[in-house]
All heavy atoms as atom14 arrays in JSON, in Angstrom:
{
  "sequence": "KPQEGNPKPRVFRLAEDEAVINRYGFNSHGHIVVENRLRARQETQI",
  "atom14_mask": [
    [1, 1, 1, 1, 1, 1, 1, 1, 1, 0, 0, 0, 0, 0],
    [1, 1, 1, 1, 1, 1, 1, 0, 0, 0, 0, 0, 0, 0],
    [1, 1, 1, 1, 1, 1, 1, 1, 1, 0, 0, 0, 0, 0],
    [1, 1, 1, 1, 1, 1, 1, 1, 1, 0, 0, 0, 0, 0],
    [1, 1, 1, 1, 0, 0, 0, 0, 0, 0, 0, 0, 0, 0],
    [1, 1, 1, 1, 1, 1, 1, 1, 0, 0, 0, 0, 0, 0],
    [1, 1, 1, 1, 1, 1, 1, 0, 0, 0, 0, 0, 0, 0],
    [1, 1, 1, 1, 1, 1, 1, 1, 1, 0, 0, 0, 0, 0],
    [1, 1, 1, 1, 1, 1, 1, 0, 0, 0, 0, 0, 0, 0],
    [1, 1, 1, 1, 1, 1, 1, 1, 1, 1, 1, 0, 0, 0],
    [1, 1, 1, 1, 1, 1, 1, 0, 0, 0, 0, 0, 0, 0],
    [1, 1, 1, 1, 1, 1, 1, 1, 1, 1, 1, 0, 0, 0],
    [1, 1, 1, 1, 1, 1, 1, 1, 1, 1, 1, 0, 0, 0],
    [1, 1, 1, 1, 1, 1, 1, 1, 0, 0, 0, 0, 0, 0],
    [1, 1, 1, 1, 1, 0, 0, 0, 0, 0, 0, 0, 0, 0],
    [1, 1, 1, 1, 1, 1, 1, 1, 1, 0, 0, 0, 0, 0],
    [1, 1, 1, 1, 1, 1, 1, 1, 0, 0, 0, 0, 0, 0],
    [1, 1, 1, 1, 1, 1, 1, 1, 1, 0, 0, 0, 0, 0],
    [1, 1, 1, 1, 1, 0, 0, 0, 0, 0, 0, 0, 0, 0],
    [1, 1, 1, 1, 1, 1, 1, 0, 0, 0, 0, 0, 0, 0],
    [1, 1, 1, 1, 1, 1, 1, 1, 0, 0, 0, 0, 0, 0],
    [1, 1, 1, 1, 1, 1, 1, 1, 0, 0, 0, 0, 0, 0],
    [1, 1, 1, 1, 1, 1, 1, 1, 1, 1, 1, 0, 0, 0],
    [1, 1, 1, 1, 1, 1, 1, 1, 1, 1, 1, 1, 0, 0],
    [1, 1, 1, 1, 0, 0, 0, 0, 0, 0, 0, 0, 0, 0],
    [1, 1, 1, 1, 1, 1, 1, 1, 1, 1, 1, 0, 0, 0],
    [1, 1, 1, 1, 1, 1, 1, 1, 0, 0, 0, 0, 0, 0],
    [1, 1, 1, 1, 1, 1, 0, 0, 0, 0, 0, 0, 0, 0],
    [1, 1, 1, 1, 1, 1, 1, 1, 1, 1, 0, 0, 0, 0],
    [1, 1, 1, 1, 0, 0, 0, 0, 0, 0, 0, 0, 0, 0],
    [1, 1, 1, 1, 1, 1, 1, 1, 1, 1, 0, 0, 0, 0],
    [1, 1, 1, 1, 1, 1, 1, 1, 0, 0, 0, 0, 0, 0],
    [1, 1, 1, 1, 1, 1, 1, 0, 0, 0, 0, 0, 0, 0],
    [1, 1, 1, 1, 1, 1, 1, 0, 0, 0, 0, 0, 0, 0],
    [1, 1, 1, 1, 1, 1, 1, 1, 1, 0, 0, 0, 0, 0],
    [1, 1, 1, 1, 1, 1, 1, 1, 0, 0, 0, 0, 0, 0],
    [1, 1, 1, 1, 1, 1, 1, 1, 1, 1, 1, 0, 0, 0],
    [1, 1, 1, 1, 1, 1, 1, 1, 0, 0, 0, 0, 0, 0],
    [1, 1, 1, 1, 1, 1, 1, 1, 1, 1, 1, 0, 0, 0],
    [1, 1, 1, 1, 1, 0, 0, 0, 0, 0, 0, 0, 0, 0],
    [1, 1, 1, 1, 1, 1, 1, 1, 1, 1, 1, 0, 0, 0],
    [1, 1, 1, 1, 1, 1, 1, 1, 1, 0, 0, 0, 0, 0],
    [1, 1, 1, 1, 1, 1, 1, 1, 1, 0, 0, 0, 0, 0],
    [1, 1, 1, 1, 1, 1, 1, 0, 0, 0, 0, 0, 0, 0],
    [1, 1, 1, 1, 1, 1, 1, 1, 1, 0, 0, 0, 0, 0],
    [1, 1, 1, 1, 1, 1, 1, 1, 0, 0, 0, 0, 0, 0]
  ],
  "atom14_positions": [
    [[38.81, 93.63, 62.06], [38.29, 93.28, 60.73], [37.51, 94.47, 60.19], [36.92, 95.23, 60.96], [37.35, 92.07, 60.83], [38.02, 90.79, 61.3], [37.02, 89.64, 61.32], [37.63, 88.41, 61.96], [36.76, 87.83, 63.01], [0.0, 0.0, 0.0], [0.0, 0.0, 0.0], [0.0, 0.0, 0.0], [0.0, 0.0, 0.0], [0.0, 0.0, 0.0]],
    [[37.44, 94.6, 58.86], [36.6, 95.67, 58.3], [35.15, 95.45, 58.72], [34.69, 94.31, 58.83], [36.75, 95.48, 56.78], [37.94, 94.61, 56.58], [38.07, 93.76, 57.81], [0.0, 0.0, 0.0], [0.0, 0.0, 0.0], [0.0, 0.0, 0.0], [0.0, 0.0, 0.0], [0.0, 0.0, 0.0], [0.0, 0.0, 0.0], [0.0, 0.0, 0.0]],
    [[34.44, 96.54, 58.98], [33.0, 96.43, 59.24], [32.3, 97.7, 58.78], [32.88, 98.79, 58.78], [32.71, 96.1, 60.71], [33.2, 97.11, 61.72], [32.78, 96.78, 63.16], [32.69, 95.61, 63.56], [32.51, 97.82, 63.94], [0.0, 0.0, 0.0], [0.0, 0.0, 0.0], [0.0, 0.0, 0.0], [0.0, 0.0, 0.0], [0.0, 0.0, 0.0]],
    [[31.04, 97.53, 58.38], [30.26, 98.62, 57.79], [29.82, 99.68, 58.8], [29.58, 100.83, 58.43], [28.99, 98.05, 57.14], [29.24, 97.31, 55.83], [29.6, 98.27, 54.7], [28.95, 99.33, 54.58], [30.55, 97.96, 53.97], [0.0, 0.0, 0.0], [0.0, 0.0, 0.0], [0.0, 0.0, 0.0], [0.0, 0.0, 0.0], [0.0, 0.0, 0.0]],
    [[29.63, 99.27, 60.05], [29.0, 100.17, 61.02], [27.48, 100.09, 60.89], [26.95, 99.19, 60.24], [0.0, 0.0, 0.0], [0.0, 0.0, 0.0], [0.0, 0.0, 0.0], [0.0, 0.0, 0.0], [0.0, 0.0, 0.0], [0.0, 0.0, 0.0], [0.0, 0.0, 0.0], [0.0, 0.0, 0.0], [0.0, 0.0, 0.0], [0.0, 0.0, 0.0]],
    [[26.8, 101.03, 61.54], [25.34, 101.01, 61.58], [24.73, 101.48, 60.25], [25.38, 102.18, 59.48], [24.85, 101.88, 62.73], [25.15, 101.24, 64.08], [25.11, 100.02, 64.21], [25.48, 102.06, 65.07], [0.0, 0.0, 0.0], [0.0, 0.0, 0.0], [0.0, 0.0, 0.0], [0.0, 0.0, 0.0], [0.0, 0.0, 0.0], [0.0, 0.0, 0.0]],
    [[23.46, 101.12, 60.01], [22.79, 101.58, 58.79], [22.67, 103.11, 58.76], [22.58, 103.75, 59.81], [21.39, 100.95, 58.88], [21.37, 100.07, 60.07], [22.61, 100.28, 60.87], [0.0, 0.0, 0.0], [0.0, 0.0, 0.0], [0.0, 0.0, 0.0], [0.0, 0.0, 0.0], [0.0, 0.0, 0.0], [0.0, 0.0, 0.0], [0.0, 0.0, 0.0]],
    [[22.68, 103.66, 57.54], [22.49, 105.1, 57.37], [20.99, 105.39, 57.29], [20.23, 104.51, 56.91], [23.18, 105.55, 56.08], [24.7, 105.38, 56.11], [25.31, 105.73, 54.76], [26.83, 105.49, 54.81], [27.49, 105.8, 53.54], [0.0, 0.0, 0.0], [0.0, 0.0, 0.0], [0.0, 0.0, 0.0], [0.0, 0.0, 0.0], [0.0, 0.0, 0.0]],
    [[20.54, 106.6, 57.65], [21.35, 107.71, 58.18], [21.82, 107.42, 59.6], [21.11, 106.79, 60.38], [20.36, 108.89, 58.17], [19.01, 108.25, 58.26], [19.11, 106.95, 57.55], [0.0, 0.0, 0.0], [0.0, 0.0, 0.0], [0.0, 0.0, 0.0], [0.0, 0.0, 0.0], [0.0, 0.0, 0.0], [0.0, 0.0, 0.0], [0.0, 0.0, 0.0]],
    [[23.03, 107.9, 59.91], [23.62, 107.59, 61.22], [24.34, 108.79, 61.81], [24.99, 108.68, 62.85], [24.54, 106.39, 61.11], [25.64, 106.55, 60.04], [26.34, 105.23, 59.79], [27.44, 105.38, 58.84], [28.18, 104.38, 58.38], [27.95, 103.15, 58.8], [29.17, 104.61, 57.54], [0.0, 0.0, 0.0], [0.0, 0.0, 0.0], [0.0, 0.0, 0.0]],
    [[24.25, 109.95, 61.15], [24.82, 111.18, 61.71], [23.84, 112.32, 61.46], [23.25, 112.42, 60.38], [26.23, 111.47, 61.14], [26.21, 111.65, 59.63], [26.86, 112.67, 61.81], [0.0, 0.0, 0.0], [0.0, 0.0, 0.0], [0.0, 0.0, 0.0], [0.0, 0.0, 0.0], [0.0, 0.0, 0.0], [0.0, 0.0, 0.0], [0.0, 0.0, 0.0]],
    [[23.63, 113.15, 62.49], [22.6, 114.19, 62.45], [23.18, 115.49, 63.01], [23.76, 115.5, 64.09], [21.39, 113.75, 63.28], [20.87, 112.39, 62.86], [21.37, 111.23, 63.44], [19.94, 112.28, 61.84], [20.94, 109.98, 63.03], [19.5, 111.02, 61.41], [20.0, 109.87, 62.02], [0.0, 0.0, 0.0], [0.0, 0.0, 0.0], [0.0, 0.0, 0.0]],
    [[22.98, 116.55, 62.24], [23.42, 117.88, 62.65], [22.32, 118.57, 63.45], [21.2, 118.7, 62.96], [23.63, 118.72, 61.39], [25.03, 119.18, 61.17], [25.03, 120.02, 59.91], [26.12, 119.61, 59.06], [27.01, 120.44, 58.54], [26.9, 121.73, 58.73], [27.98, 119.99, 57.8], [0.0, 0.0, 0.0], [0.0, 0.0, 0.0], [0.0, 0.0, 0.0]],
    [[22.65, 119.0, 64.65], [21.71, 119.79, 65.46], [22.18, 121.25, 65.37], [22.85, 121.76, 66.28], [21.7, 119.3, 66.91], [20.95, 118.0, 67.23], [21.58, 116.78, 66.55], [20.89, 117.77, 68.73], [0.0, 0.0, 0.0], [0.0, 0.0, 0.0], [0.0, 0.0, 0.0], [0.0, 0.0, 0.0], [0.0, 0.0, 0.0], [0.0, 0.0, 0.0]],
    [[21.86, 121.89, 64.25], [22.44, 123.21, 63.94], [22.13, 124.24, 65.02], [23.01, 125.02, 65.42], [21.96, 123.69, 62.58], [0.0, 0.0, 0.0], [0.0, 0.0, 0.0], [0.0, 0.0, 0.0], [0.0, 0.0, 0.0], [0.0, 0.0, 0.0], [0.0, 0.0, 0.0], [0.0, 0.0, 0.0], [0.0, 0.0, 0.0], [0.0, 0.0, 0.0]],
    [[20.89, 124.23, 65.52], [20.5, 125.24, 66.52], [21.29, 125.08, 67.82], [21.38, 126.02, 68.62], [19.0, 125.14, 66.86], [18.07, 125.3, 65.68], [17.7, 123.98, 64.99], [18.56, 123.07, 64.92], [16.55, 123.88, 64.54], [0.0, 0.0, 0.0], [0.0, 0.0, 0.0], [0.0, 0.0, 0.0], [0.0, 0.0, 0.0], [0.0, 0.0, 0.0]],
    [[21.82, 123.9, 68.02], [22.53, 123.61, 69.27], [24.05, 123.52, 69.09], [24.78, 123.28, 70.06], [22.04, 122.26, 69.83], [20.53, 122.23, 69.99], [20.01, 123.05, 70.76], [19.87, 121.41, 69.33], [0.0, 0.0, 0.0], [0.0, 0.0, 0.0], [0.0, 0.0, 0.0], [0.0, 0.0, 0.0], [0.0, 0.0, 0.0], [0.0, 0.0, 0.0]],
    [[24.52, 123.73, 67.86], [25.95, 123.52, 67.54], [26.4, 122.16, 68.06], [27.38, 122.03, 68.79], [26.83, 124.65, 68.09], [26.93, 125.82, 67.13], [28.07, 126.78, 67.42], [29.18, 126.33, 67.78], [27.85, 127.98, 67.3], [0.0, 0.0, 0.0], [0.0, 0.0, 0.0], [0.0, 0.0, 0.0], [0.0, 0.0, 0.0], [0.0, 0.0, 0.0]],
    [[25.62, 121.16, 67.69], [25.87, 119.8, 68.17], [25.67, 118.8, 67.04], [25.09, 119.13, 65.99], [24.94, 119.47, 69.33], [0.0, 0.0, 0.0], [0.0, 0.0, 0.0], [0.0, 0.0, 0.0], [0.0, 0.0, 0.0], [0.0, 0.0, 0.0], [0.0, 0.0, 0.0], [0.0, 0.0, 0.0], [0.0, 0.0, 0.0], [0.0, 0.0, 0.0]],
    [[26.16, 117.59, 67.27], [25.97, 116.48, 66.33], [25.58, 115.26, 67.15], [26.07, 115.06, 68.27], [27.28, 116.21, 65.54], [27.24, 114.86, 64.83], [27.56, 117.32, 64.53], [0.0, 0.0, 0.0], [0.0, 0.0, 0.0], [0.0, 0.0, 0.0], [0.0, 0.0, 0.0], [0.0, 0.0, 0.0], [0.0, 0.0, 0.0], [0.0, 0.0, 0.0]],
    [[24.68, 114.45, 66.6], [24.44, 113.12, 67.16], [24.9, 112.11, 66.11], [24.54, 112.23, 64.94], [22.94, 112.89, 67.49], [22.53, 113.75, 68.7], [22.67, 111.4, 67.79], [21.03, 113.75, 68.99], [0.0, 0.0, 0.0], [0.0, 0.0, 0.0], [0.0, 0.0, 0.0], [0.0, 0.0, 0.0], [0.0, 0.0, 0.0], [0.0, 0.0, 0.0]],
    [[25.74, 111.16, 66.54], [26.16, 110.11, 65.6], [25.94, 108.74, 66.22], [26.02, 108.56, 67.43], [27.63, 110.3, 65.19], [28.58, 109.54, 66.09], [28.77, 108.33, 65.96], [29.19, 110.24, 67.03], [0.0, 0.0, 0.0], [0.0, 0.0, 0.0], [0.0, 0.0, 0.0], [0.0, 0.0, 0.0], [0.0, 0.0, 0.0], [0.0, 0.0, 0.0]],
    [[25.66, 107.8, 65.34], [25.62, 106.39, 65.74], [26.32, 105.57, 64.66], [25.78, 104.59, 64.14], [24.19, 105.91, 66.01], [23.15, 106.22, 64.95], [21.82, 105.52, 65.25], [20.82, 105.76, 64.23], [19.92, 106.74, 64.26], [19.91, 107.6, 65.26], [19.03, 106.86, 63.27], [0.0, 0.0, 0.0], [0.0, 0.0, 0.0], [0.0, 0.0, 0.0]],
    [[27.52, 106.0, 64.3], [28.28, 105.33, 63.24], [28.47, 103.84, 63.52], [28.35, 103.01, 62.63], [29.66, 105.98, 63.08], [29.66, 107.26, 62.3], [29.96, 108.48, 62.92], [29.39, 107.27, 60.94], [29.97, 109.67, 62.2], [29.4, 108.46, 60.21], [29.69, 109.65, 60.84], [29.71, 110.82, 60.13], [0.0, 0.0, 0.0], [0.0, 0.0, 0.0]],
    [[28.85, 103.52, 64.76], [29.05, 102.12, 65.12], [30.37, 101.55, 64.61], [30.41, 100.4, 64.14], [0.0, 0.0, 0.0], [0.0, 0.0, 0.0], [0.0, 0.0, 0.0], [0.0, 0.0, 0.0], [0.0, 0.0, 0.0], [0.0, 0.0, 0.0], [0.0, 0.0, 0.0], [0.0, 0.0, 0.0], [0.0, 0.0, 0.0], [0.0, 0.0, 0.0]],
    [[31.45, 102.35, 64.72], [32.79, 101.87, 64.35], [32.85, 101.37, 62.91], [33.31, 100.24, 62.64], [33.27, 100.75, 65.29], [33.68, 101.18, 66.67], [33.96, 100.2, 67.65], [33.81, 102.51, 67.03], [34.35, 100.57, 68.93], [34.21, 102.88, 68.32], [34.47, 101.91, 69.27], [0.0, 0.0, 0.0], [0.0, 0.0, 0.0], [0.0, 0.0, 0.0]],
    [[32.39, 102.16, 61.95], [32.63, 101.82, 60.55], [34.14, 101.91, 60.33], [34.76, 102.92, 60.62], [31.88, 102.77, 59.62], [32.1, 104.24, 59.94], [31.92, 104.65, 61.08], [32.51, 105.03, 58.97], [0.0, 0.0, 0.0], [0.0, 0.0, 0.0], [0.0, 0.0, 0.0], [0.0, 0.0, 0.0], [0.0, 0.0, 0.0], [0.0, 0.0, 0.0]],
    [[34.72, 100.81, 59.87], [36.19, 100.75, 59.8], [36.66, 99.9, 58.63], [36.05, 98.88, 58.31], [36.73, 100.17, 61.11], [38.14, 100.03, 61.06], [0.0, 0.0, 0.0], [0.0, 0.0, 0.0], [0.0, 0.0, 0.0], [0.0, 0.0, 0.0], [0.0, 0.0, 0.0], [0.0, 0.0, 0.0], [0.0, 0.0, 0.0], [0.0, 0.0, 0.0]],
    [[37.76, 100.34, 58.01], [38.38, 99.55, 56.94], [39.2, 98.39, 57.51], [39.67, 97.54, 56.76], [39.26, 100.44, 56.06], [38.48, 101.43, 55.25], [39.09, 102.37, 54.44], [37.14, 101.63, 55.12], [38.14, 103.11, 53.85], [36.97, 102.69, 54.25], [0.0, 0.0, 0.0], [0.0, 0.0, 0.0], [0.0, 0.0, 0.0], [0.0, 0.0, 0.0]],
    [[39.42, 98.4, 58.84], [40.12, 97.3, 59.49], [41.62, 97.54, 59.64], [42.2, 98.42, 59.01], [0.0, 0.0, 0.0], [0.0, 0.0, 0.0], [0.0, 0.0, 0.0], [0.0, 0.0, 0.0], [0.0, 0.0, 0.0], [0.0, 0.0, 0.0], [0.0, 0.0, 0.0], [0.0, 0.0, 0.0], [0.0, 0.0, 0.0], [0.0, 0.0, 0.0]],
    [[42.24, 96.73, 60.51], [43.65, 96.9, 60.84], [44.58, 96.87, 59.63], [45.47, 97.7, 59.51], [44.12, 95.78, 61.79], [43.63, 95.94, 63.2], [43.77, 94.94, 64.14], [43.02, 96.97, 63.84], [43.26, 95.36, 65.29], [42.78, 96.57, 65.13], [0.0, 0.0, 0.0], [0.0, 0.0, 0.0], [0.0, 0.0, 0.0], [0.0, 0.0, 0.0]],
    [[44.39, 95.9, 58.73], [45.37, 95.7, 57.66], [45.41, 96.91, 56.72], [46.49, 97.41, 56.38], [45.11, 94.38, 56.9], [45.4, 93.2, 57.84], [45.96, 94.28, 55.64], [44.89, 91.85, 57.35], [0.0, 0.0, 0.0], [0.0, 0.0, 0.0], [0.0, 0.0, 0.0], [0.0, 0.0, 0.0], [0.0, 0.0, 0.0], [0.0, 0.0, 0.0]],
    [[44.24, 97.39, 56.33], [44.17, 98.55, 55.43], [44.8, 99.79, 56.08], [45.6, 100.5, 55.46], [42.7, 98.82, 55.0], [42.58, 100.16, 54.3], [42.19, 97.7, 54.11], [0.0, 0.0, 0.0], [0.0, 0.0, 0.0], [0.0, 0.0, 0.0], [0.0, 0.0, 0.0], [0.0, 0.0, 0.0], [0.0, 0.0, 0.0], [0.0, 0.0, 0.0]],
    [[44.45, 100.01, 57.33], [44.98, 101.19, 58.04], [46.49, 101.04, 58.27], [47.26, 102.0, 58.1], [44.21, 101.45, 59.36], [44.9, 102.5, 60.2], [42.77, 101.87, 59.04], [0.0, 0.0, 0.0], [0.0, 0.0, 0.0], [0.0, 0.0, 0.0], [0.0, 0.0, 0.0], [0.0, 0.0, 0.0], [0.0, 0.0, 0.0], [0.0, 0.0, 0.0]],
    [[46.93, 99.84, 58.6], [48.37, 99.59, 58.77], [49.12, 99.95, 57.48], [50.16, 100.62, 57.51], [48.62, 98.11, 59.11], [50.09, 97.77, 59.23], [50.38, 96.26, 59.24], [49.47, 95.46, 58.91], [51.53, 95.9, 59.56], [0.0, 0.0, 0.0], [0.0, 0.0, 0.0], [0.0, 0.0, 0.0], [0.0, 0.0, 0.0], [0.0, 0.0, 0.0]],
    [[48.59, 99.52, 56.34], [49.24, 99.81, 55.06], [49.29, 101.31, 54.77], [50.3, 101.82, 54.27], [48.55, 99.06, 53.91], [48.82, 97.56, 53.98], [49.83, 97.13, 54.55], [47.92, 96.75, 53.42], [0.0, 0.0, 0.0], [0.0, 0.0, 0.0], [0.0, 0.0, 0.0], [0.0, 0.0, 0.0], [0.0, 0.0, 0.0], [0.0, 0.0, 0.0]],
    [[48.21, 102.01, 55.09], [48.19, 103.47, 54.88], [49.21, 104.17, 55.78], [49.88, 105.11, 55.36], [46.79, 104.02, 55.14], [45.83, 103.68, 54.01], [44.46, 104.29, 54.2], [43.58, 103.76, 53.17], [42.32, 103.42, 53.35], [41.75, 103.6, 54.55], [41.6, 102.93, 52.36], [0.0, 0.0, 0.0], [0.0, 0.0, 0.0], [0.0, 0.0, 0.0]],
    [[49.31, 103.72, 57.01], [50.28, 104.32, 57.93], [51.71, 103.99, 57.52], [52.59, 104.85, 57.6], [50.01, 103.87, 59.37], [48.79, 104.5, 60.05], [48.53, 103.84, 61.4], [48.98, 106.0, 60.23], [0.0, 0.0, 0.0], [0.0, 0.0, 0.0], [0.0, 0.0, 0.0], [0.0, 0.0, 0.0], [0.0, 0.0, 0.0], [0.0, 0.0, 0.0]],
    [[51.93, 102.77, 57.07], [53.27, 102.38, 56.63], [53.73, 103.21, 55.44], [54.89, 103.58, 55.33], [53.29, 100.9, 56.22], [53.47, 99.99, 57.4], [54.12, 98.66, 57.0], [53.93, 97.69, 58.08], [54.56, 97.74, 59.25], [55.42, 98.71, 59.5], [54.33, 96.83, 60.18], [0.0, 0.0, 0.0], [0.0, 0.0, 0.0], [0.0, 0.0, 0.0]],
    [[52.8, 103.49, 54.54], [53.12, 104.25, 53.32], [53.61, 105.66, 53.64], [54.3, 106.27, 52.82], [51.9, 104.3, 52.4], [0.0, 0.0, 0.0], [0.0, 0.0, 0.0], [0.0, 0.0, 0.0], [0.0, 0.0, 0.0], [0.0, 0.0, 0.0], [0.0, 0.0, 0.0], [0.0, 0.0, 0.0], [0.0, 0.0, 0.0], [0.0, 0.0, 0.0]],
    [[53.26, 106.17, 54.82], [53.68, 107.53, 55.19], [54.49, 107.51, 56.5], [54.58, 108.53, 57.19], [52.47, 108.47, 55.31], [51.4, 107.99, 56.28], [50.28, 108.99, 56.49], [50.77, 110.25, 57.04], [51.12, 110.43, 58.32], [51.09, 109.42, 59.19], [51.55, 111.6, 58.74], [0.0, 0.0, 0.0], [0.0, 0.0, 0.0], [0.0, 0.0, 0.0]],
    [[55.08, 106.37, 56.8], [55.8, 106.22, 58.07], [56.97, 107.21, 58.2], [57.16, 107.81, 59.27], [56.31, 104.78, 58.21], [56.79, 104.46, 59.62], [57.05, 102.98, 59.83], [57.03, 102.19, 58.88], [57.3, 102.57, 61.07], [0.0, 0.0, 0.0], [0.0, 0.0, 0.0], [0.0, 0.0, 0.0], [0.0, 0.0, 0.0], [0.0, 0.0, 0.0]],
    [[57.73, 107.4, 57.13], [58.87, 108.33, 57.19], [58.39, 109.76, 57.42], [59.0, 110.52, 58.18], [59.71, 108.25, 55.9], [60.4, 106.9, 55.7], [61.23, 106.48, 56.91], [61.99, 107.31, 57.45], [61.11, 105.3, 57.33], [0.0, 0.0, 0.0], [0.0, 0.0, 0.0], [0.0, 0.0, 0.0], [0.0, 0.0, 0.0], [0.0, 0.0, 0.0]],
    [[57.3, 110.12, 56.76], [56.7, 111.45, 56.95], [56.31, 111.63, 58.41], [56.56, 112.68, 59.02], [55.45, 111.61, 56.05], [55.85, 111.41, 54.71], [54.81, 112.98, 56.2], [0.0, 0.0, 0.0], [0.0, 0.0, 0.0], [0.0, 0.0, 0.0], [0.0, 0.0, 0.0], [0.0, 0.0, 0.0], [0.0, 0.0, 0.0], [0.0, 0.0, 0.0]],
    [[55.68, 110.6, 59.0], [55.24, 110.72, 60.39], [56.43, 110.81, 61.34], [56.37, 111.55, 62.33], [54.33, 109.56, 60.8], [53.7, 109.76, 62.18], [52.91, 111.05, 62.27], [52.03, 111.32, 61.46], [53.22, 111.88, 63.27], [0.0, 0.0, 0.0], [0.0, 0.0, 0.0], [0.0, 0.0, 0.0], [0.0, 0.0, 0.0], [0.0, 0.0, 0.0]],
    [[57.49, 110.1, 61.06], [58.69, 110.18, 61.9], [59.18, 111.63, 61.94], [59.52, 112.18, 63.0], [59.78, 109.19, 61.42], [59.34, 107.75, 61.76], [61.15, 109.51, 62.04], [60.16, 106.66, 61.06], [0.0, 0.0, 0.0], [0.0, 0.0, 0.0], [0.0, 0.0, 0.0], [0.0, 0.0, 0.0], [0.0, 0.0, 0.0], [0.0, 0.0, 0.0]]
  ]
}
């Protein structure tokens, strides 16, 4: 199912360390939306 993920801010750049810390928490548009996007370009992916 679609879900928002964790509250923002949820991604942090550690520039001095060339690192990132994230706590996105699986922000996702969900299976159906992603399925439709993949289907729309299925021939290209093949």
